[in-house]
N, C-alpha and C. Protein backbone atom coordinates (compact mmCIF):
# COMPACT_ATOMS: atom_id res chain seq x y z
N MET A 1 15.89 20.47 45.94
CA MET A 1 14.90 19.59 45.68
C MET A 1 15.26 18.70 44.49
N GLY A 2 15.35 17.42 44.80
CA GLY A 2 15.76 16.44 43.72
C GLY A 2 14.62 16.16 42.76
N PHE A 3 15.04 15.35 41.85
CA PHE A 3 14.01 14.91 40.85
C PHE A 3 12.92 14.08 41.27
N GLU A 4 13.21 13.18 42.23
CA GLU A 4 12.27 12.34 42.84
C GLU A 4 11.20 13.14 43.75
N GLU A 5 11.67 14.20 44.30
CA GLU A 5 10.77 14.92 45.03
C GLU A 5 9.73 15.71 44.28
N ARG A 6 10.24 16.33 43.11
CA ARG A 6 9.41 17.17 42.11
C ARG A 6 8.27 16.23 41.46
N SER A 7 8.71 15.10 41.12
CA SER A 7 7.73 14.31 40.18
C SER A 7 6.76 13.53 41.20
N GLY A 8 7.01 13.50 42.53
CA GLY A 8 6.08 12.75 43.37
C GLY A 8 6.26 11.35 43.17
N ASP A 9 7.42 10.72 42.78
CA ASP A 9 7.62 9.44 42.53
C ASP A 9 6.68 8.91 41.52
N ARG A 10 6.26 9.54 40.49
CA ARG A 10 5.35 8.99 39.43
C ARG A 10 6.16 9.21 38.15
N CYS A 11 5.84 8.34 37.26
CA CYS A 11 6.41 8.42 35.81
C CYS A 11 5.40 8.97 35.03
N THR A 12 5.64 10.02 34.27
CA THR A 12 4.75 10.66 33.36
C THR A 12 5.32 10.80 31.91
N THR A 13 4.53 10.88 30.86
CA THR A 13 4.94 11.06 29.57
C THR A 13 5.30 12.59 29.43
N PRO A 14 6.51 12.88 28.69
CA PRO A 14 6.81 14.16 28.47
C PRO A 14 5.89 14.91 27.61
N LYS A 15 5.59 16.13 27.97
CA LYS A 15 4.58 16.74 27.25
C LYS A 15 5.18 17.97 26.46
N ARG A 16 6.44 18.24 26.37
CA ARG A 16 7.06 19.33 25.70
C ARG A 16 6.95 19.05 24.15
N ARG A 17 6.96 20.12 23.29
CA ARG A 17 6.75 20.08 21.97
C ARG A 17 7.89 19.21 21.46
N GLU A 18 9.09 19.34 21.75
CA GLU A 18 10.26 18.81 21.30
C GLU A 18 10.37 17.27 21.56
N CYS A 19 9.45 16.77 22.44
CA CYS A 19 9.34 15.29 22.71
C CYS A 19 8.35 14.62 21.99
N GLN A 20 7.42 15.37 21.37
CA GLN A 20 6.33 14.80 20.69
C GLN A 20 6.70 14.26 19.24
N ILE A 21 6.00 13.22 18.86
CA ILE A 21 6.28 12.70 17.48
C ILE A 21 5.59 13.80 16.55
N PRO A 22 6.36 14.19 15.45
CA PRO A 22 5.72 15.15 14.41
C PRO A 22 4.63 14.42 13.57
N VAL A 23 3.62 15.23 13.28
CA VAL A 23 2.64 14.71 12.38
C VAL A 23 2.94 14.88 10.99
N VAL A 24 2.88 13.76 10.22
CA VAL A 24 3.23 13.62 8.78
C VAL A 24 1.91 13.96 8.03
N VAL A 25 1.92 15.01 7.18
CA VAL A 25 0.90 15.51 6.42
C VAL A 25 0.59 14.62 5.02
N VAL A 26 1.80 14.34 4.42
CA VAL A 26 1.65 13.70 3.09
C VAL A 26 2.54 12.46 3.16
N CYS A 27 2.02 11.29 2.59
CA CYS A 27 2.75 10.05 2.53
C CYS A 27 3.77 10.11 1.44
N PRO A 28 4.82 9.57 1.49
CA PRO A 28 5.83 9.50 0.41
C PRO A 28 5.24 8.63 -0.72
N PRO A 29 5.72 9.00 -1.93
CA PRO A 29 5.29 8.21 -3.17
C PRO A 29 5.60 6.79 -3.09
N PRO A 30 5.02 5.85 -3.80
CA PRO A 30 5.54 4.47 -3.99
C PRO A 30 6.70 4.23 -4.68
N PRO A 31 7.46 3.37 -4.48
CA PRO A 31 8.71 3.13 -5.24
C PRO A 31 8.26 2.82 -6.76
N LYS A 32 9.25 3.23 -7.62
CA LYS A 32 8.98 3.10 -9.10
C LYS A 32 9.55 1.64 -9.49
N LYS A 33 8.84 0.96 -10.37
CA LYS A 33 9.20 -0.20 -10.92
C LYS A 33 10.16 0.02 -12.05
N LYS A 34 11.31 -0.78 -12.16
CA LYS A 34 12.21 -0.76 -13.30
C LYS A 34 11.67 -1.15 -14.46
N SER A 35 11.95 -0.53 -15.55
CA SER A 35 11.38 -0.83 -16.84
C SER A 35 11.88 -2.16 -17.30
N ALA A 36 11.11 -3.10 -17.99
CA ALA A 36 11.50 -4.43 -18.43
C ALA A 36 12.27 -4.23 -19.70
N SER A 37 12.21 -3.23 -20.43
CA SER A 37 12.95 -3.10 -21.73
C SER A 37 14.50 -3.08 -21.45
N GLY A 38 14.91 -2.57 -20.36
CA GLY A 38 16.35 -2.42 -19.97
C GLY A 38 16.81 -3.74 -19.58
N MET A 39 16.14 -4.84 -19.33
CA MET A 39 16.46 -6.07 -18.74
C MET A 39 16.91 -7.03 -19.82
N LYS A 40 16.76 -6.75 -21.21
CA LYS A 40 17.23 -7.76 -22.18
C LYS A 40 18.67 -7.96 -22.03
N ARG A 41 18.98 -9.28 -22.29
CA ARG A 41 20.48 -9.73 -22.28
C ARG A 41 20.84 -10.31 -23.53
N ASP A 42 22.05 -10.16 -23.91
CA ASP A 42 22.57 -10.98 -25.18
C ASP A 42 22.74 -12.47 -24.80
N PRO A 43 22.64 -13.30 -25.79
CA PRO A 43 22.86 -14.79 -25.49
C PRO A 43 24.33 -14.89 -25.00
N PRO A 44 24.58 -15.93 -24.25
CA PRO A 44 26.07 -16.15 -23.76
C PRO A 44 26.99 -16.36 -24.93
N LYS A 45 28.17 -16.07 -24.78
CA LYS A 45 29.19 -16.09 -25.74
C LYS A 45 29.50 -17.52 -25.98
N ASN A 46 29.51 -18.41 -24.92
CA ASN A 46 29.91 -19.71 -25.17
C ASN A 46 28.61 -20.68 -25.45
N GLY A 47 27.56 -20.05 -25.75
CA GLY A 47 26.28 -20.67 -26.04
C GLY A 47 25.55 -21.21 -24.82
N TYR A 48 24.51 -21.63 -24.95
CA TYR A 48 23.69 -22.28 -23.87
C TYR A 48 24.17 -23.54 -23.42
N PHE A 49 23.95 -24.11 -22.22
CA PHE A 49 24.33 -25.27 -21.62
C PHE A 49 23.49 -26.47 -22.50
N GLN A 50 24.32 -27.46 -22.90
CA GLN A 50 23.66 -28.67 -23.52
C GLN A 50 23.83 -29.85 -22.71
N PRO A 51 22.84 -30.35 -22.02
CA PRO A 51 23.10 -31.48 -21.04
C PRO A 51 23.34 -32.72 -21.80
N PRO A 52 24.08 -33.71 -21.12
CA PRO A 52 24.19 -34.88 -21.84
C PRO A 52 22.92 -35.65 -21.91
N ASP A 53 22.99 -36.68 -22.77
CA ASP A 53 21.81 -37.52 -23.10
C ASP A 53 21.46 -38.29 -21.64
N LEU A 54 20.53 -37.74 -20.83
CA LEU A 54 20.16 -38.31 -19.47
C LEU A 54 19.62 -39.60 -19.66
N ASP A 55 18.83 -40.02 -20.72
CA ASP A 55 18.32 -41.27 -20.81
C ASP A 55 19.37 -42.32 -20.93
N ALA A 56 20.42 -42.11 -21.43
CA ALA A 56 21.58 -43.04 -21.66
C ALA A 56 22.32 -43.19 -20.19
N ILE A 57 22.23 -42.16 -19.51
CA ILE A 57 22.88 -42.18 -18.00
C ILE A 57 21.97 -42.91 -16.98
N PHE A 58 20.82 -42.78 -17.05
CA PHE A 58 19.91 -43.16 -15.96
C PHE A 58 18.98 -44.38 -16.38
N THR A 59 19.26 -44.88 -17.68
CA THR A 59 18.57 -46.23 -17.82
C THR A 59 19.18 -47.37 -17.23
N MET A 60 18.43 -48.23 -16.62
CA MET A 60 18.73 -49.39 -15.86
C MET A 60 18.88 -50.59 -16.83
N PRO A 61 19.78 -51.53 -16.79
CA PRO A 61 19.76 -52.66 -17.65
C PRO A 61 18.67 -53.63 -17.11
N PRO A 62 18.10 -54.34 -17.96
CA PRO A 62 17.07 -55.26 -17.52
C PRO A 62 17.61 -56.19 -16.55
N ARG A 63 16.73 -56.43 -15.54
CA ARG A 63 17.16 -57.44 -14.26
C ARG A 63 17.19 -58.81 -15.05
N ARG A 64 18.05 -59.56 -14.42
CA ARG A 64 18.08 -60.99 -14.66
C ARG A 64 17.33 -61.56 -13.36
N GLU A 65 16.44 -62.34 -13.66
CA GLU A 65 15.52 -62.91 -12.66
C GLU A 65 16.32 -64.19 -12.10
N ALA A 66 16.39 -64.30 -10.67
CA ALA A 66 16.94 -65.22 -10.09
C ALA A 66 16.26 -66.58 -10.20
N TRP A 67 16.74 -67.75 -10.54
CA TRP A 67 16.09 -69.07 -10.58
C TRP A 67 16.21 -69.64 -9.14
N ALA A 68 15.18 -69.97 -8.62
CA ALA A 68 15.24 -70.63 -7.27
C ALA A 68 15.41 -72.19 -7.38
């Protein structure tokens, strides 16, 4: 007797205990946050970035008006 003959050509959900999803009784604890005190850093060895004078770079010279 083949598999097709035994099941009657129907698909069924397995009912055996080893095929069932186990029931979880207790939820796992939430993840812990890292403490903020361990996040302090020393200042950089070369100092902080000092940008150039951006006003001097991006200022536009006054326009000369064209005489018609």
